[in-house]
Amino acid sequence: MTLPRPTALLFDLDGTLVDTAPDLARATNALRAHHGLAPLPYPVIRAQVSNGGSALVTLALDLAKEAEGHEAARSFLLAAYGEAVADESRVFPPLAPLLQHWEAQRRPWGIVTNKPRAYAAPLVSALGLAPGALLCADDLPVKKPDPAPLLEAARRLGVAPGACWYLGDHLRDIQAARAAGMAAVAVGWGYVEEGDDYRDWPADLWFESGEALVTALLSG
């Protein structure tokens, strides 16, 4: 630890706080089945989850974002996902007890995600999470890596940006945190793409596991 402990914690959602890949993989393979294609292996889909629905369509159908039919395929995938956003999604252990401890001390925390609210809010509710702030892709005119959603989350929590840690499993999370003046915390347990190394991102801190994060936050 080379930084002061935070007043508030802000999390990316998919791949950082919650393991949503199983439900997104189900929807991706439903899209492939709709087109008469065999299912993709789970690890292949998992590596693309943080890149959003369009990336999953491209993976599933080899259909570029600009290609005809991409938007219709994306709508199909999101509809399939929206039918069951939390069937198999779970908070990454041991982050659930960390949040329980954090809330017991009445310390603020929130979520800033590029996931649309139509999917993020039901997921958060189904998992019994109660963030003090939830900023989604469509809440503001911009999304990460723009810092505005992080700054708005800090404002809603009543905490100065410099007193927040923002945790994420994608380079854009680190870029957004640094632009917001928050401590940028890179995590290695999420959906980091093959060939990418979260330790190469310009973060302030790097944690390979949830256990390491908990130890750093709660020790002493």
Protein backbone atom coordinates (compact mmCIF):
# COMPACT_ATOMS: atom_id res chain seq x y z
CA MET A 1 0.00 0.00 0.00
CA THR A 2 1.43 3.32 -1.10
CA LEU A 3 -1.85 5.27 -1.00
CA PRO A 4 -4.05 6.37 1.89
CA ARG A 5 -7.05 4.11 2.42
CA PRO A 6 -10.10 5.47 0.62
CA THR A 7 -13.13 7.19 2.06
CA ALA A 8 -15.27 5.71 -0.72
CA LEU A 9 -14.99 2.73 -3.04
CA LEU A 10 -16.27 2.86 -6.60
CA PHE A 11 -16.43 -0.31 -8.69
CA ASP A 12 -16.80 -1.17 -12.32
CA LEU A 13 -19.60 -3.74 -12.51
CA ASP A 14 -18.90 -6.53 -15.02
CA GLY A 15 -15.66 -8.34 -14.26
CA THR A 16 -14.75 -6.26 -11.24
CA LEU A 17 -17.58 -6.44 -8.72
CA VAL A 18 -19.80 -9.07 -10.34
CA ASP A 19 -19.00 -12.13 -12.45
CA THR A 20 -21.62 -11.62 -15.15
CA ALA A 21 -19.90 -13.69 -17.82
CA PRO A 22 -22.01 -16.86 -17.37
CA ASP A 23 -25.27 -15.06 -18.19
CA LEU A 24 -23.69 -13.09 -21.04
CA ALA A 25 -22.20 -16.30 -22.43
CA ARG A 26 -25.64 -17.88 -22.38
CA ALA A 27 -27.04 -14.96 -24.39
CA THR A 28 -24.12 -15.01 -26.83
CA ASN A 29 -24.57 -18.69 -27.54
CA ALA A 30 -28.33 -18.17 -27.87
CA LEU A 31 -27.51 -15.74 -30.68
CA ARG A 32 -25.27 -18.33 -32.32
CA ALA A 33 -27.95 -21.00 -31.99
CA HIS A 34 -30.45 -18.61 -33.61
CA HIS A 35 -28.10 -18.53 -36.60
CA GLY A 36 -27.56 -22.29 -36.63
CA LEU A 37 -24.07 -22.10 -35.14
CA ALA A 38 -22.48 -24.28 -32.46
CA PRO A 39 -21.82 -22.72 -29.03
CA LEU A 40 -18.51 -21.02 -28.37
CA PRO A 41 -16.35 -22.16 -25.43
CA TYR A 42 -17.04 -20.19 -22.28
CA PRO A 43 -13.43 -18.86 -21.87
CA VAL A 44 -13.55 -17.35 -25.37
CA ILE A 45 -16.72 -15.42 -24.56
CA ARG A 46 -15.55 -14.45 -21.08
CA ALA A 47 -12.54 -12.61 -22.47
CA GLN A 48 -14.81 -10.28 -24.47
CA VAL A 49 -17.49 -9.53 -21.88
CA SER A 50 -16.01 -6.19 -20.76
CA ASN A 51 -16.16 -4.91 -24.34
CA GLY A 52 -19.94 -4.90 -24.42
CA GLY A 53 -22.75 -6.26 -26.54
CA SER A 54 -21.38 -5.18 -29.90
CA ALA A 55 -18.12 -7.00 -29.24
CA LEU A 56 -20.05 -10.13 -28.31
CA VAL A 57 -22.03 -9.92 -31.56
CA THR A 58 -18.79 -9.61 -33.53
CA LEU A 59 -17.38 -12.58 -31.65
CA ALA A 60 -20.51 -14.67 -32.12
CA LEU A 61 -21.18 -13.97 -35.80
CA ASP A 62 -17.94 -12.44 -37.11
CA LEU A 63 -20.06 -9.41 -37.91
CA ALA A 64 -18.37 -6.02 -37.69
CA LYS A 65 -20.17 -3.22 -35.85
CA GLU A 66 -20.75 -1.34 -39.10
CA ALA A 67 -22.02 -4.39 -40.98
CA GLU A 68 -25.61 -4.90 -42.04
CA GLY A 69 -27.45 -7.00 -39.52
CA HIS A 70 -25.18 -6.16 -36.60
CA GLU A 71 -27.69 -3.99 -34.78
CA ALA A 72 -30.46 -6.55 -35.17
CA ALA A 73 -28.14 -9.25 -33.81
CA ARG A 74 -27.19 -7.01 -30.90
CA SER A 75 -30.87 -6.46 -30.10
CA PHE A 76 -31.43 -10.24 -30.12
CA LEU A 77 -28.45 -10.82 -27.82
CA LEU A 78 -29.52 -8.11 -25.36
CA ALA A 79 -33.09 -9.39 -25.31
CA ALA A 80 -31.83 -12.89 -24.52
CA TYR A 81 -29.61 -11.49 -21.80
CA GLY A 82 -32.37 -9.30 -20.38
CA GLU A 83 -34.58 -12.32 -19.81
CA ALA A 84 -32.25 -13.50 -17.04
CA VAL A 85 -29.53 -11.04 -16.03
CA ALA A 86 -28.77 -12.72 -12.71
CA ASP A 87 -29.38 -16.45 -13.16
CA GLU A 88 -25.72 -17.32 -12.70
CA SER A 89 -24.09 -13.93 -12.04
CA ARG A 90 -22.52 -13.55 -8.62
CA VAL A 91 -20.43 -11.01 -6.70
CA PHE A 92 -16.80 -12.05 -6.88
CA PRO A 93 -15.68 -13.62 -3.60
CA PRO A 94 -14.53 -12.21 -1.23
CA LEU A 95 -16.00 -8.85 -2.30
CA ALA A 96 -19.41 -9.63 -0.80
CA PRO A 97 -18.08 -9.75 2.79
CA LEU A 98 -15.94 -6.71 2.04
CA LEU A 99 -19.05 -4.74 1.13
CA GLN A 100 -20.86 -6.02 4.22
CA HIS A 101 -17.97 -4.82 6.38
CA TRP A 102 -17.81 -1.51 4.53
CA GLU A 103 -21.53 -0.88 4.93
CA ALA A 104 -21.46 -1.88 8.60
CA GLN A 105 -19.01 0.97 9.12
CA ARG A 106 -21.38 3.29 7.17
CA ARG A 107 -18.73 3.93 4.57
CA PRO A 108 -19.88 5.01 1.09
CA TRP A 109 -19.50 2.96 -2.06
CA GLY A 110 -20.90 2.94 -5.56
CA ILE A 111 -20.85 1.45 -9.04
CA VAL A 112 -19.91 3.14 -12.30
CA THR A 113 -20.53 0.96 -15.34
CA ASN A 114 -20.81 1.17 -19.11
CA LYS A 115 -23.70 -1.29 -18.89
CA PRO A 116 -27.09 0.22 -19.78
CA ARG A 117 -29.36 0.84 -16.81
CA ALA A 118 -32.01 -1.53 -18.17
CA TYR A 119 -29.63 -4.41 -17.39
CA ALA A 120 -27.45 -3.00 -14.61
CA ALA A 121 -30.23 -1.94 -12.23
CA PRO A 122 -32.09 -5.30 -12.26
CA LEU A 123 -28.79 -7.14 -11.83
CA VAL A 124 -27.76 -5.03 -8.86
CA SER A 125 -31.20 -5.43 -7.29
CA ALA A 126 -31.31 -9.20 -7.86
CA LEU A 127 -27.95 -9.58 -6.11
CA GLY A 128 -29.16 -7.60 -3.12
CA LEU A 129 -26.59 -4.85 -3.59
CA ALA A 130 -27.29 -1.34 -2.32
CA PRO A 131 -24.71 1.08 -3.71
CA GLY A 132 -25.00 4.69 -2.65
CA ALA A 133 -24.55 5.64 -6.30
CA LEU A 134 -25.14 3.70 -9.51
CA LEU A 135 -24.03 5.38 -12.73
CA CYS A 136 -24.82 3.52 -15.95
CA ALA A 137 -23.94 3.96 -19.61
CA ASP A 138 -27.07 5.93 -20.45
CA ASP A 139 -27.30 8.14 -17.36
CA LEU A 140 -25.05 10.84 -18.80
CA PRO A 141 -24.20 11.96 -22.36
CA VAL A 142 -20.76 10.34 -21.97
CA LYS A 143 -19.41 7.12 -20.50
CA LYS A 144 -16.03 5.70 -19.49
CA PRO A 145 -13.21 6.44 -20.26
CA ASP A 146 -14.69 9.92 -19.83
CA PRO A 147 -14.37 10.80 -16.13
CA ALA A 148 -17.81 12.44 -15.86
CA PRO A 149 -19.68 9.35 -14.54
CA LEU A 150 -17.03 8.80 -11.86
CA LEU A 151 -17.19 12.44 -10.81
CA GLU A 152 -20.98 12.30 -10.66
CA ALA A 153 -20.84 9.17 -8.51
CA ALA A 154 -18.47 10.91 -6.08
CA ARG A 155 -20.79 13.91 -5.98
CA ARG A 156 -23.78 11.72 -5.14
CA LEU A 157 -21.81 10.03 -2.38
CA GLY A 158 -20.70 13.39 -1.00
CA VAL A 159 -17.03 12.44 -1.24
CA ALA A 160 -14.20 14.35 -2.90
CA PRO A 161 -12.87 12.52 -6.00
CA GLY A 162 -9.39 12.37 -4.49
CA ALA A 163 -10.77 10.37 -1.56
CA CYS A 164 -12.17 7.65 -3.84
CA TRP A 165 -10.68 4.49 -5.23
CA TYR A 166 -12.06 3.35 -8.57
CA LEU A 167 -11.54 -0.34 -9.30
CA GLY A 168 -11.72 -1.80 -12.77
CA ASP A 169 -10.66 -4.67 -15.01
CA HIS A 170 -10.20 -2.66 -18.23
CA LEU A 171 -7.78 0.01 -19.39
CA ARG A 172 -10.66 2.48 -19.87
CA ASP A 173 -11.45 2.16 -16.15
CA ILE A 174 -7.94 3.21 -15.26
CA GLN A 175 -8.04 6.07 -17.76
CA ALA A 176 -11.33 7.32 -16.34
CA ALA A 177 -10.10 7.13 -12.75
CA ARG A 178 -6.93 9.05 -13.48
CA ALA A 179 -8.84 11.71 -15.41
CA ALA A 180 -11.23 12.05 -12.47
CA GLY A 181 -8.40 12.51 -9.98
CA MET A 182 -9.22 9.25 -8.20
CA ALA A 183 -6.90 6.45 -7.21
CA ALA A 184 -6.91 4.08 -10.17
CA VAL A 185 -6.97 0.45 -9.05
CA ALA A 186 -6.47 -2.31 -11.63
CA VAL A 187 -7.78 -5.78 -10.80
CA GLY A 188 -6.59 -9.02 -12.32
CA TRP A 189 -9.52 -11.30 -11.59
CA GLY A 190 -11.87 -9.89 -14.24
CA TYR A 191 -12.27 -10.13 -17.99
CA VAL A 192 -8.81 -9.14 -19.14
CA GLU A 193 -8.32 -10.02 -22.80
CA GLU A 194 -5.70 -12.55 -23.88
CA GLY A 195 -2.42 -10.78 -24.55
CA ASP A 196 -3.32 -7.86 -22.29
CA ASP A 197 -1.71 -7.47 -18.87
CA TYR A 198 -3.48 -5.40 -16.23
CA ARG A 199 -0.11 -4.76 -14.57
CA ASP A 200 0.91 -2.73 -17.61
CA TRP A 201 -1.96 -0.27 -17.17
CA PRO A 202 -1.08 3.15 -15.67
CA ALA A 203 -2.81 2.44 -12.36
CA ASP A 204 -1.88 3.52 -8.86
CA LEU A 205 -2.43 0.04 -7.42
CA TRP A 206 -2.77 -3.46 -8.88
CA PHE A 207 -4.45 -6.41 -7.18
CA GLU A 208 -4.35 -9.93 -8.55
CA SER A 209 -7.11 -11.25 -6.30
CA GLY A 210 -10.03 -10.11 -4.24
CA GLU A 211 -8.30 -11.51 -1.19
CA ALA A 212 -5.33 -9.22 -1.76
CA LEU A 213 -7.64 -6.22 -2.08
CA VAL A 214 -9.46 -7.07 1.14
CA THR A 215 -6.18 -7.49 2.99
CA ALA A 216 -4.99 -4.08 1.80
CA LEU A 217 -8.23 -2.33 2.71
CA LEU A 218 -8.93 -3.93 6.06
CA SER A 219 -5.52 -4.62 7.56
CA GLY A 220 -4.14 -2.38 10.26
